Amino acid sequence: MMLQSMMMFGSYAKMKLRQLISDEKGAVDIVAIVVLIGIAVLLAVIFKDQIAALLESLFGTITKTANNTVNGE
């Protein structure tokens, strides 16, 4: 009984491994992710100055509000 279950498990694992190797959908997903990351990096480079100004403004506001809260103003 134990040998039979091990053989069934082995056959199932072999079948899943063949499916994983022959499945090409994962390669398309990886290409799509790489393209999206490339677009994000390109946009960050193009709008670097605007992003820096926005972050500086946001962190300035956060710091000012935190200081006002701590000082009780």
N, C-alpha and C. Protein backbone atom coordinates (compact mmCIF):
# COMPACT_ATOMS: atom_id res chain seq x y z
N MET A 1 0.83 -1.19 0.00
CA MET A 1 0.00 0.00 0.00
C MET A 1 0.87 1.26 0.00
N MET A 2 1.90 1.28 0.83
CA MET A 2 2.79 2.44 0.91
C MET A 2 3.56 2.62 -0.39
N LEU A 3 4.01 1.52 -0.97
CA LEU A 3 4.76 1.58 -2.23
C LEU A 3 3.87 2.12 -3.35
N GLN A 4 2.61 1.69 -3.34
CA GLN A 4 1.67 2.15 -4.37
C GLN A 4 1.43 3.66 -4.25
N SER A 5 1.27 4.18 -3.02
CA SER A 5 1.06 5.62 -2.85
C SER A 5 2.30 6.40 -3.25
N MET A 6 3.47 5.88 -2.96
CA MET A 6 4.70 6.56 -3.35
C MET A 6 4.83 6.60 -4.87
N MET A 7 4.45 5.53 -5.54
CA MET A 7 4.51 5.50 -6.99
C MET A 7 3.52 6.48 -7.60
N MET A 8 2.33 6.58 -7.00
CA MET A 8 1.33 7.53 -7.48
C MET A 8 1.83 8.97 -7.29
N PHE A 9 2.41 9.22 -6.13
CA PHE A 9 2.96 10.55 -5.85
C PHE A 9 4.08 10.88 -6.83
N GLY A 10 4.95 9.92 -7.10
CA GLY A 10 6.04 10.12 -8.05
C GLY A 10 5.52 10.43 -9.45
N SER A 11 4.49 9.70 -9.87
CA SER A 11 3.90 9.94 -11.19
C SER A 11 3.26 11.32 -11.26
N TYR A 12 2.58 11.71 -10.19
CA TYR A 12 1.95 13.03 -10.13
C TYR A 12 3.02 14.13 -10.18
N ALA A 13 4.08 13.96 -9.41
CA ALA A 13 5.16 14.95 -9.39
C ALA A 13 5.82 15.06 -10.76
N LYS A 14 6.03 13.93 -11.43
CA LYS A 14 6.64 13.93 -12.76
C LYS A 14 5.74 14.67 -13.76
N MET A 15 4.43 14.44 -13.65
CA MET A 15 3.48 15.09 -14.54
C MET A 15 3.49 16.61 -14.32
N LYS A 16 3.49 17.03 -13.07
CA LYS A 16 3.51 18.46 -12.76
C LYS A 16 4.81 19.12 -13.22
N LEU A 17 5.93 18.41 -13.09
CA LEU A 17 7.20 18.94 -13.53
C LEU A 17 7.21 19.13 -15.05
N ARG A 18 6.67 18.16 -15.77
CA ARG A 18 6.58 18.30 -17.24
C ARG A 18 5.71 19.48 -17.62
N GLN A 19 4.60 19.67 -16.91
CA GLN A 19 3.72 20.81 -17.19
C GLN A 19 4.45 22.13 -16.92
N LEU A 20 5.20 22.17 -15.84
CA LEU A 20 5.93 23.39 -15.48
C LEU A 20 6.98 23.72 -16.53
N ILE A 21 7.69 22.72 -17.00
CA ILE A 21 8.74 22.95 -17.99
C ILE A 21 8.14 23.35 -19.33
N SER A 22 7.04 22.73 -19.73
CA SER A 22 6.47 23.01 -21.05
C SER A 22 5.58 24.25 -21.07
N ASP A 23 5.20 24.77 -19.90
CA ASP A 23 4.34 25.94 -19.84
C ASP A 23 5.15 27.19 -20.17
N GLU A 24 4.77 27.91 -21.22
CA GLU A 24 5.50 29.10 -21.63
C GLU A 24 4.82 30.38 -21.16
N LYS A 25 3.74 30.27 -20.45
CA LYS A 25 3.02 31.45 -19.99
C LYS A 25 3.89 32.26 -19.03
N GLY A 26 4.69 31.58 -18.21
CA GLY A 26 5.55 32.27 -17.26
C GLY A 26 6.56 33.17 -17.93
N ALA A 27 7.07 32.77 -19.09
CA ALA A 27 8.05 33.58 -19.81
C ALA A 27 7.42 34.88 -20.28
N VAL A 28 6.18 34.83 -20.72
CA VAL A 28 5.49 36.03 -21.17
C VAL A 28 5.26 36.97 -19.99
N ASP A 29 4.91 36.43 -18.85
CA ASP A 29 4.71 37.25 -17.65
C ASP A 29 6.00 37.95 -17.24
N ILE A 30 7.12 37.26 -17.33
CA ILE A 30 8.40 37.85 -16.96
C ILE A 30 8.74 38.99 -17.90
N VAL A 31 8.52 38.81 -19.18
CA VAL A 31 8.79 39.87 -20.17
C VAL A 31 7.92 41.08 -19.88
N ALA A 32 6.65 40.86 -19.57
CA ALA A 32 5.74 41.96 -19.27
C ALA A 32 6.21 42.73 -18.03
N ILE A 33 6.66 42.02 -17.02
CA ILE A 33 7.13 42.67 -15.79
C ILE A 33 8.39 43.49 -16.08
N VAL A 34 9.30 42.95 -16.86
CA VAL A 34 10.53 43.68 -17.21
C VAL A 34 10.19 44.94 -18.00
N VAL A 35 9.26 44.85 -18.93
CA VAL A 35 8.85 46.03 -19.71
C VAL A 35 8.23 47.08 -18.79
N LEU A 36 7.38 46.68 -17.87
CA LEU A 36 6.76 47.64 -16.94
C LEU A 36 7.79 48.30 -16.03
N ILE A 37 8.76 47.53 -15.56
CA ILE A 37 9.82 48.11 -14.73
C ILE A 37 10.64 49.11 -15.55
N GLY A 38 10.91 48.77 -16.80
CA GLY A 38 11.65 49.68 -17.67
C GLY A 38 10.91 50.99 -17.88
N ILE A 39 9.61 50.90 -18.09
CA ILE A 39 8.79 52.11 -18.27
C ILE A 39 8.80 52.96 -17.00
N ALA A 40 8.70 52.31 -15.84
CA ALA A 40 8.71 53.04 -14.57
C ALA A 40 10.04 53.76 -14.36
N VAL A 41 11.14 53.10 -14.68
CA VAL A 41 12.47 53.72 -14.53
C VAL A 41 12.60 54.89 -15.50
N LEU A 42 12.15 54.70 -16.73
CA LEU A 42 12.23 55.77 -17.72
C LEU A 42 11.42 57.00 -17.28
N LEU A 43 10.22 56.77 -16.77
CA LEU A 43 9.40 57.89 -16.28
C LEU A 43 10.06 58.58 -15.09
N ALA A 44 10.68 57.80 -14.22
CA ALA A 44 11.36 58.38 -13.05
C ALA A 44 12.54 59.25 -13.50
N VAL A 45 13.25 58.81 -14.51
CA VAL A 45 14.38 59.61 -15.02
C VAL A 45 13.88 60.89 -15.68
N ILE A 46 12.82 60.78 -16.47
CA ILE A 46 12.29 61.95 -17.17
C ILE A 46 11.75 62.99 -16.19
N PHE A 47 11.02 62.53 -15.18
CA PHE A 47 10.39 63.46 -14.24
C PHE A 47 11.13 63.55 -12.91
N LYS A 48 12.45 63.36 -12.94
CA LYS A 48 13.26 63.34 -11.72
C LYS A 48 13.13 64.64 -10.92
N ASP A 49 13.23 65.77 -11.59
CA ASP A 49 13.17 67.05 -10.88
C ASP A 49 11.80 67.29 -10.25
N GLN A 50 10.74 66.97 -10.99
CA GLN A 50 9.39 67.16 -10.45
C GLN A 50 9.14 66.22 -9.27
N ILE A 51 9.63 65.00 -9.35
CA ILE A 51 9.46 64.04 -8.25
C ILE A 51 10.22 64.51 -7.02
N ALA A 52 11.45 65.00 -7.23
CA ALA A 52 12.25 65.50 -6.11
C ALA A 52 11.56 66.68 -5.44
N ALA A 53 11.02 67.61 -6.23
CA ALA A 53 10.33 68.78 -5.68
C ALA A 53 9.09 68.36 -4.90
N LEU A 54 8.35 67.40 -5.45
CA LEU A 54 7.15 66.91 -4.76
C LEU A 54 7.51 66.25 -3.43
N LEU A 55 8.53 65.41 -3.44
CA LEU A 55 8.92 64.74 -2.19
C LEU A 55 9.46 65.73 -1.17
N GLU A 56 10.21 66.71 -1.63
CA GLU A 56 10.73 67.74 -0.71
C GLU A 56 9.57 68.50 -0.06
N SER A 57 8.58 68.85 -0.86
CA SER A 57 7.41 69.56 -0.35
C SER A 57 6.63 68.70 0.64
N LEU A 58 6.42 67.44 0.29
CA LEU A 58 5.68 66.54 1.19
C LEU A 58 6.39 66.35 2.51
N PHE A 59 7.70 66.07 2.46
CA PHE A 59 8.45 65.85 3.70
C PHE A 59 8.57 67.12 4.51
N GLY A 60 8.64 68.27 3.83
CA GLY A 60 8.64 69.54 4.56
C GLY A 60 7.34 69.75 5.31
N THR A 61 6.24 69.46 4.66
CA THR A 61 4.93 69.59 5.31
C THR A 61 4.78 68.62 6.48
N ILE A 62 5.24 67.40 6.29
CA ILE A 62 5.17 66.39 7.36
C ILE A 62 6.01 66.83 8.54
N THR A 63 7.22 67.30 8.29
CA THR A 63 8.10 67.74 9.38
C THR A 63 7.51 68.93 10.12
N LYS A 64 6.99 69.89 9.37
CA LYS A 64 6.40 71.09 9.97
C LYS A 64 5.20 70.71 10.84
N THR A 65 4.33 69.83 10.33
CA THR A 65 3.16 69.40 11.09
C THR A 65 3.56 68.61 12.34
N ALA A 66 4.57 67.76 12.20
CA ALA A 66 5.03 66.98 13.36
C ALA A 66 5.62 67.91 14.42
N ASN A 67 6.42 68.87 13.99
CA ASN A 67 7.00 69.81 14.96
C ASN A 67 5.93 70.63 15.65
N ASN A 68 4.92 71.07 14.90
CA ASN A 68 3.83 71.84 15.49
C ASN A 68 3.05 70.99 16.50
N THR A 69 2.86 69.72 16.19
CA THR A 69 2.13 68.82 17.09
C THR A 69 2.93 68.58 18.37
N VAL A 70 4.21 68.36 18.23
CA VAL A 70 5.06 68.08 19.41
C VAL A 70 5.16 69.33 20.29
N ASN A 71 5.28 70.50 19.67
CA ASN A 71 5.42 71.74 20.43
C ASN A 71 4.08 72.25 20.95
N GLY A 72 2.98 71.64 20.56
CA GLY A 72 1.66 72.03 21.06
C GLY A 72 1.11 73.27 20.40
N GLU A 73 1.53 73.56 19.22
CA GLU A 73 1.04 74.77 18.53
C GLU A 73 -0.18 74.47 17.71
